[in-house]
């Protein structure tokens, strides 16, 4: 299943959106966290259209 996730650094308001292939939303978040800097915030997770 594909998931759309948005993330951004704490000091900016412009998010970056990525699509991740994962079996669950939790797994998608874990994949995203493994590839972005630790100070980035995950803003949302939703099923990709």
Protein backbone atom coordinates (compact mmCIF):
# COMPACT_ATOMS: atom_id res chain seq x y z
CA UNK A 1 0.00 0.00 0.00
CA UNK A 2 1.23 3.52 -0.76
CA UNK A 3 1.14 6.28 1.85
CA UNK A 4 1.58 10.02 1.44
CA UNK A 5 3.52 11.63 4.28
CA UNK A 6 4.51 15.23 4.85
CA UNK A 7 7.46 16.39 6.93
CA UNK A 8 9.31 19.63 7.61
CA UNK A 9 12.07 21.01 9.83
CA UNK A 10 10.90 22.68 13.05
CA UNK A 11 12.10 26.10 11.91
CA UNK A 12 10.21 26.33 8.59
CA UNK A 13 6.59 26.17 7.50
CA UNK A 14 7.11 24.62 4.05
CA UNK A 15 6.44 20.86 4.14
CA UNK A 16 7.90 18.21 1.87
CA UNK A 17 5.55 15.44 0.76
CA UNK A 18 6.76 11.94 -0.06
CA UNK A 19 5.08 8.67 -1.01
CA UNK A 20 6.20 5.53 0.80
CA UNK A 21 5.29 1.91 0.04
CA UNK A 22 4.59 0.10 3.33
CA UNK A 23 2.08 -2.40 4.73
CA UNK A 24 0.76 0.00 7.39
CA UNK A 25 0.84 3.67 8.34
CA UNK A 26 3.16 2.88 11.25
CA UNK A 27 5.60 1.12 8.93
CA UNK A 28 5.42 4.11 6.55
CA UNK A 29 6.31 6.48 9.39
CA UNK A 30 9.21 4.25 10.42
CA UNK A 31 10.54 4.23 6.83
CA UNK A 32 10.23 8.00 6.60
CA UNK A 33 11.93 8.56 9.97
CA UNK A 34 14.86 6.41 8.82
CA UNK A 35 15.47 8.71 5.85
CA UNK A 36 14.93 12.24 7.22
CA UNK A 37 16.87 14.29 9.78
CA UNK A 38 15.91 13.76 13.42
CA UNK A 39 14.72 17.35 13.85
CA UNK A 40 12.00 17.06 11.18
CA UNK A 41 8.33 16.84 12.17
CA UNK A 42 5.98 14.35 10.53
CA UNK A 43 2.86 16.37 9.73
CA UNK A 44 0.47 13.78 8.36
CA UNK A 45 0.09 10.27 6.98
CA UNK A 46 -2.69 9.30 4.58
CA UNK A 47 -3.41 6.64 2.01
CA UNK A 48 -2.09 7.76 -1.39
CA UNK A 49 -4.72 8.45 -3.99
